[in-house]
Protein backbone atom coordinates (compact mmCIF):
# COMPACT_ATOMS: atom_id res chain seq x y z
CA UNK A 1 158.24 52.33 98.92
CA UNK A 2 154.79 53.86 98.83
CA UNK A 3 153.92 57.49 99.21
CA UNK A 4 151.23 57.76 101.86
CA UNK A 5 147.86 57.10 100.31
CA UNK A 6 148.94 54.44 97.78
CA UNK A 7 147.61 51.40 99.58
CA UNK A 8 148.71 48.81 97.02
CA UNK A 9 152.36 49.47 97.83
CA UNK A 10 154.26 48.77 101.03
CA UNK A 11 154.75 51.25 103.80
CA UNK A 12 157.98 51.00 105.79
CA UNK A 13 156.04 48.99 108.36
CA UNK A 14 154.47 46.46 106.00
CA UNK A 15 157.60 45.99 103.87
CA UNK A 16 158.77 42.35 104.30
CA UNK A 17 162.32 43.14 103.20
CA UNK A 18 164.32 39.99 102.47
CA UNK A 19 161.32 37.84 103.41
CA UNK A 20 159.19 38.94 100.44
CA UNK A 21 159.16 35.46 98.93
CA UNK A 22 157.46 34.13 102.06
CA UNK A 23 154.56 36.52 101.46
CA UNK A 24 154.41 35.60 97.78
CA UNK A 25 153.40 32.06 98.83
CA UNK A 26 150.56 33.15 101.16
CA UNK A 27 146.99 33.02 99.77
CA UNK A 28 145.12 36.30 99.39
CA UNK A 29 141.57 35.04 99.89
CA UNK A 30 140.30 36.36 103.22
CA UNK A 31 139.74 33.03 105.04
CA UNK A 32 143.06 31.58 103.86
CA UNK A 33 145.05 34.74 104.57
CA UNK A 34 143.51 35.17 108.01
CA UNK A 35 144.32 31.56 108.91
CA UNK A 36 148.00 32.09 108.03
CA UNK A 37 148.08 35.29 110.09
CA UNK A 38 146.79 33.37 113.12
CA UNK A 39 149.31 30.58 112.46
CA UNK A 40 152.26 32.99 112.50
CA UNK A 41 151.07 35.37 115.26
CA UNK A 42 149.42 34.48 118.57
CA UNK A 43 147.58 37.10 120.63
CA UNK A 44 149.76 37.89 123.62
CA UNK A 45 146.87 37.95 126.14
CA UNK A 46 143.77 36.49 124.48
CA UNK A 47 144.97 33.17 123.05
CA UNK A 48 143.95 30.91 125.92
CA UNK A 49 147.52 29.56 126.02
CA UNK A 50 150.23 30.15 128.60
CA UNK A 51 152.84 31.89 126.46
CA UNK A 52 156.57 31.96 127.26
CA UNK A 53 157.75 35.01 129.17
CA UNK A 54 161.00 34.81 127.20
CA UNK A 55 159.24 35.79 123.97
CA UNK A 56 156.94 38.51 125.26
CA UNK A 57 159.19 41.17 123.71
CA UNK A 58 157.75 40.04 120.37
CA UNK A 59 154.84 42.42 120.95
CA UNK A 60 157.08 45.41 120.20
CA UNK A 61 157.98 44.20 116.69
CA UNK A 62 156.64 47.24 114.89
CA UNK A 63 158.03 46.22 111.47
CA UNK A 64 156.63 43.25 109.56
CA UNK A 65 160.16 42.35 108.49
CA UNK A 66 161.13 41.97 112.16
CA UNK A 67 158.12 39.71 112.83
CA UNK A 68 159.05 37.54 109.89
CA UNK A 69 162.67 37.37 111.00
CA UNK A 70 161.58 36.22 114.45
CA UNK A 71 159.30 33.61 112.91
CA UNK A 72 161.98 32.27 110.61
CA UNK A 73 164.58 32.06 113.37
CA UNK A 74 162.17 29.82 115.28
CA UNK A 75 160.75 27.79 112.42
CA UNK A 76 162.59 28.29 109.13
CA UNK A 77 159.69 27.01 107.04
CA UNK A 78 156.83 28.40 104.91
CA UNK A 79 154.31 30.53 106.77
CA UNK A 80 151.50 28.15 105.82
CA UNK A 81 153.05 25.24 107.76
CA UNK A 82 151.71 24.71 111.27
CA UNK A 83 153.36 26.36 114.28
CA UNK A 84 152.57 25.42 117.87
CA UNK A 85 150.69 28.32 119.49
CA UNK A 86 153.34 28.77 122.19
CA UNK A 87 156.06 29.08 119.52
CA UNK A 88 154.33 31.73 117.41
CA UNK A 89 155.24 35.41 117.35
CA UNK A 90 153.45 37.13 120.20
CA UNK A 91 151.36 40.07 119.02
CA UNK A 92 147.88 41.56 118.96
CA UNK A 93 145.20 42.68 116.53
CA UNK A 94 147.52 45.32 115.12
CA UNK A 95 150.03 42.61 114.18
CA UNK A 96 147.51 40.20 112.65
CA UNK A 97 146.28 43.14 110.61
CA UNK A 98 149.73 44.33 109.57
CA UNK A 99 150.58 40.81 108.43
CA UNK A 100 147.47 40.64 106.24
CA UNK A 101 148.05 44.15 104.90
CA UNK A 102 151.64 43.21 104.04
CA UNK A 103 150.59 40.05 102.19
CA UNK A 104 147.90 41.86 100.21
CA UNK A 105 150.22 44.72 99.26
CA UNK A 106 152.88 42.20 98.28
CA UNK A 107 150.35 40.86 95.75
CA UNK A 108 149.47 44.37 94.54
CA UNK A 109 146.10 44.51 96.32
CA UNK A 110 145.26 47.82 98.04
CA UNK A 111 144.97 47.28 101.79
CA UNK A 112 145.25 49.31 104.98
CA UNK A 113 144.73 48.89 108.71
CA UNK A 114 141.71 50.43 110.41
CA UNK A 115 141.85 51.45 114.07
CA UNK A 116 138.78 51.57 116.27
CA UNK A 117 136.66 49.56 118.70
CA UNK A 118 134.74 46.29 118.43
CA UNK A 119 131.43 45.45 120.10
CA UNK A 120 131.65 41.66 119.73
CA UNK A 121 133.75 40.66 122.74
CA UNK A 122 130.64 39.45 124.62
CA UNK A 123 131.48 41.73 127.57
CA UNK A 124 128.91 44.42 126.87
CA UNK A 125 131.89 46.69 126.25
CA UNK A 126 133.72 48.01 123.17
CA UNK A 127 137.35 46.91 123.10
CA UNK A 128 140.10 48.68 121.23
CA UNK A 129 140.74 46.83 118.00
CA UNK A 130 142.39 46.92 114.58
CA UNK A 131 141.03 45.22 111.47
CA UNK A 132 141.90 45.05 107.77
CA UNK A 133 140.32 47.09 105.00
CA UNK A 134 141.12 45.77 101.50
CA UNK A 135 139.91 46.73 98.06
CA UNK A 136 137.97 43.99 96.28
CA UNK A 137 138.20 44.68 92.54
CA UNK A 138 135.44 42.17 91.82
CA UNK A 139 132.99 43.88 94.17
CA UNK A 140 134.39 47.33 93.34
CA UNK A 141 134.45 48.34 96.99
CA UNK A 142 136.54 48.20 100.13
CA UNK A 143 135.90 45.16 102.34
CA UNK A 144 136.63 45.09 106.05
CA UNK A 145 137.61 41.83 107.73
CA UNK A 146 138.82 40.67 111.13
CA UNK A 147 141.68 38.17 110.72
CA UNK A 148 141.43 37.10 114.37
CA UNK A 149 137.88 35.75 114.01
CA UNK A 150 137.76 32.50 111.97
CA UNK A 151 134.02 31.83 112.11
CA UNK A 152 130.77 33.78 112.48
CA UNK A 153 129.95 34.60 116.10
CA UNK A 154 127.34 36.42 118.14
CA UNK A 155 127.67 40.08 117.29
CA UNK A 156 129.76 39.43 114.19
CA UNK A 157 127.96 37.13 111.74
CA UNK A 158 130.24 38.13 108.83
CA UNK A 159 133.88 38.40 110.06
CA UNK A 160 135.09 38.32 106.44
CA UNK A 161 132.93 41.29 105.46
CA UNK A 162 132.46 43.48 108.53
CA UNK A 163 129.76 46.13 108.07
CA UNK A 164 130.68 49.79 108.24
CA UNK A 165 128.89 52.66 109.95
CA UNK A 166 128.28 54.30 113.30
CA UNK A 167 126.08 51.39 114.51
CA UNK A 168 128.24 48.60 113.10
CA UNK A 169 129.93 45.92 115.27
CA UNK A 170 133.25 47.62 114.54
CA UNK A 171 133.36 51.41 114.75
CA UNK A 172 136.33 53.51 113.80
CA UNK A 173 137.99 55.64 116.47
CA UNK A 174 136.72 58.75 114.69
CA UNK A 175 133.13 57.47 114.77
CA UNK A 176 133.43 56.68 118.48
CA UNK A 177 134.94 60.10 119.20
CA UNK A 178 132.10 61.80 117.35
CA UNK A 179 129.48 59.75 119.19
CA UNK A 180 131.00 60.52 122.58
CA UNK A 181 131.24 64.23 121.82
CA UNK A 182 127.59 64.38 120.76
CA UNK A 183 126.46 62.37 123.78
CA UNK A 184 125.14 59.35 121.90
CA UNK A 185 127.95 57.12 123.22
CA UNK A 186 129.44 56.72 126.70
CA UNK A 187 133.25 57.08 126.60
CA UNK A 188 133.58 54.84 129.65
CA UNK A 189 132.41 51.94 127.48
CA UNK A 190 135.48 52.16 125.21
CA UNK A 191 139.02 51.01 126.02
CA UNK A 192 141.09 47.92 126.68
CA UNK A 193 138.48 46.27 128.89
CA UNK A 194 135.85 46.86 131.57
CA UNK A 195 137.33 48.63 134.59
CA UNK A 196 140.66 49.35 132.86
CA UNK A 197 142.35 52.72 133.32
CA UNK A 198 143.10 52.54 129.58
CA UNK A 199 139.80 53.89 128.38
CA UNK A 200 137.64 56.99 128.18
CA UNK A 201 138.02 60.20 126.20
CA UNK A 202 141.79 60.56 126.46
CA UNK A 203 142.22 57.01 125.20
CA UNK A 204 139.71 57.42 122.34
CA UNK A 205 141.48 60.66 121.43
CA UNK A 206 144.79 58.81 121.04
CA UNK A 207 143.10 56.16 118.91
CA UNK A 208 141.81 58.82 116.51
CA UNK A 209 145.44 59.83 115.96
CA UNK A 210 146.38 56.16 115.54
CA UNK A 211 143.59 55.75 112.97
CA UNK A 212 144.95 58.75 111.08
CA UNK A 213 148.54 57.45 111.20
CA UNK A 214 147.60 53.94 110.10
CA UNK A 215 145.55 55.24 107.17
CA UNK A 216 148.54 57.11 105.81
CA UNK A 217 151.24 54.47 106.14
CA UNK A 218 152.48 54.77 109.73
CA UNK A 219 151.11 51.52 111.16
CA UNK A 220 152.42 52.19 114.66
CA UNK A 221 152.14 50.09 117.81
CA UNK A 222 149.01 50.68 119.83
CA UNK A 223 151.14 51.76 122.80
CA UNK A 224 153.20 54.33 120.88
CA UNK A 225 152.76 57.97 121.95
CA UNK A 226 153.66 61.17 120.10
CA UNK A 227 152.62 64.73 119.23
CA UNK A 228 149.07 65.72 120.18
CA UNK A 229 148.32 62.51 122.08
CA UNK A 230 146.88 62.73 125.60
CA UNK A 231 147.68 61.17 128.93
CA UNK A 232 144.98 60.33 131.51
CA UNK A 233 143.12 63.51 132.43
CA UNK A 234 143.36 64.99 128.92
CA UNK A 235 142.68 66.29 126.41
CA UNK A 236 142.53 70.08 126.88
CA UNK A 237 140.04 72.36 125.15
CA UNK A 238 142.33 73.22 122.22
CA UNK A 239 142.96 69.54 121.55
CA UNK A 240 139.23 68.80 121.71
CA UNK A 241 138.68 71.21 118.83
CA UNK A 242 141.55 69.67 116.85
CA UNK A 243 140.17 66.16 117.34
CA UNK A 244 136.63 67.19 116.48
CA UNK A 245 137.88 68.46 113.14
CA UNK A 246 140.09 65.44 112.45
CA UNK A 247 137.29 63.03 113.32
CA UNK A 248 134.97 64.80 110.89
CA UNK A 249 137.59 64.53 108.15
CA UNK A 250 138.26 60.85 108.82
CA UNK A 251 134.56 60.06 108.75
CA UNK A 252 134.23 62.03 105.53
CA UNK A 253 136.94 60.08 103.68
CA UNK A 254 135.70 56.75 105.10
CA UNK A 255 136.21 53.74 102.83
CA UNK A 256 137.47 55.66 99.83
CA UNK A 257 140.66 55.85 97.82
CA UNK A 258 143.01 55.96 96.16
CA UNK A 259 142.53 59.73 95.87
CA UNK A 260 141.12 60.80 92.52
CA UNK A 261 142.80 64.20 92.33
CA UNK A 262 144.94 66.65 94.25
CA UNK A 263 141.90 68.39 95.74
CA UNK A 264 140.12 65.28 97.01
CA UNK A 265 139.32 65.13 100.75
CA UNK A 266 141.73 62.20 101.16
CA UNK A 267 144.65 64.14 99.67
CA UNK A 268 143.85 67.17 101.79
CA UNK A 269 143.74 65.07 104.96
CA UNK A 270 146.92 63.23 103.97
CA UNK A 271 148.74 66.53 103.44
CA UNK A 272 147.44 67.85 106.75
CA UNK A 273 148.74 64.71 108.47
CA UNK A 274 152.15 64.97 106.85
CA UNK A 275 152.49 68.72 107.46
CA UNK A 276 151.37 69.03 111.09
CA UNK A 277 153.98 67.88 113.61
CA UNK A 278 151.25 67.30 116.19
CA UNK A 279 149.66 64.61 114.05
CA UNK A 280 152.47 62.45 112.68
CA UNK A 281 155.38 60.79 114.46
CA UNK A 282 158.85 62.19 113.88
CA UNK A 283 162.10 60.25 114.08
CA UNK A 284 161.04 58.64 117.35
CA UNK A 285 158.04 57.97 119.60
CA UNK A 286 157.58 57.23 123.27
CA UNK A 287 156.87 53.51 123.45
CA UNK A 288 154.83 52.42 126.45
CA UNK A 289 154.40 48.76 127.40
CA UNK A 290 151.33 46.53 127.63
CA UNK A 291 153.14 44.80 130.49
CA UNK A 292 153.65 47.98 132.52
CA UNK A 293 157.38 48.24 131.82
CA UNK A 294 158.97 51.70 131.89
CA UNK A 295 158.42 53.70 128.67
CA UNK A 296 161.33 54.07 126.25
CA UNK A 297 162.16 56.27 123.28
CA UNK A 298 161.79 54.12 120.16
CA UNK A 299 163.63 54.88 116.94
CA UNK A 300 161.50 55.04 113.79
CA UNK A 301 164.32 55.73 111.35
CA UNK A 302 165.71 52.23 110.88
CA UNK A 303 163.76 48.98 111.32
CA UNK A 304 165.12 47.03 114.27
CA UNK A 305 166.45 43.53 113.89
CA UNK A 306 164.83 40.67 115.73
CA UNK A 307 166.56 39.55 118.86
């Protein structure tokens, strides 16, 4: 299992366990990989299909091995073979991304998930989102891609090579935090959708911590809560200072890695993440629900088995 920061090796979350051979058979080119991700996982609220209520618990499958177990119990065939949309594993952008990250790592390709906000929903609003960042040895750079978008669209002409930067169609949570704190961005334009209570500074704050966790191998659910995260009405002044500093560090490391030496900014941020109990999850997190169910304490020690 990977130490945090080695993105060519599995984290506990991306590890396929006994289903590794399924990932071995999945293509690693971006269009082909993204198509398989969409074939295995269907977005729980943005698919355009009426999905079964009986399988909505799929969205809490935080481990890739659990997603694959659910898929194989329903289908028992290679991941490249067609699944009806209503019979796929219900998930979201985090899950499409984790699937792609797991496949790429299985093939020894450095990959990680990137948490932030996308401007290409067509709503004039920036929705919370997670995309893939993978190292392309041929291009000698990290490439960002959105596995949920199969074709070019207004606002995202290159879904298989998403531009980076503060004015890009996808901005990291740290970039959005920085823009809101300097007054160049309106925090009310960032969240789960126009008019949603899940938006604004407290929500962006939590996504900065999610971005940090995902970068260093804790690819948690988007509704997990721990440590220095805020609830509506937060954060307080001390937390604002903490997040300002973390956002600066995340922007500084950007699309870099693996770390070149023990004093590189990435190593220093990784060690800060691992050493500060406010920043990383412990043995458990509070797991909220996208359906409004009561929060529960979720165990992070042992991957759960699919139901």
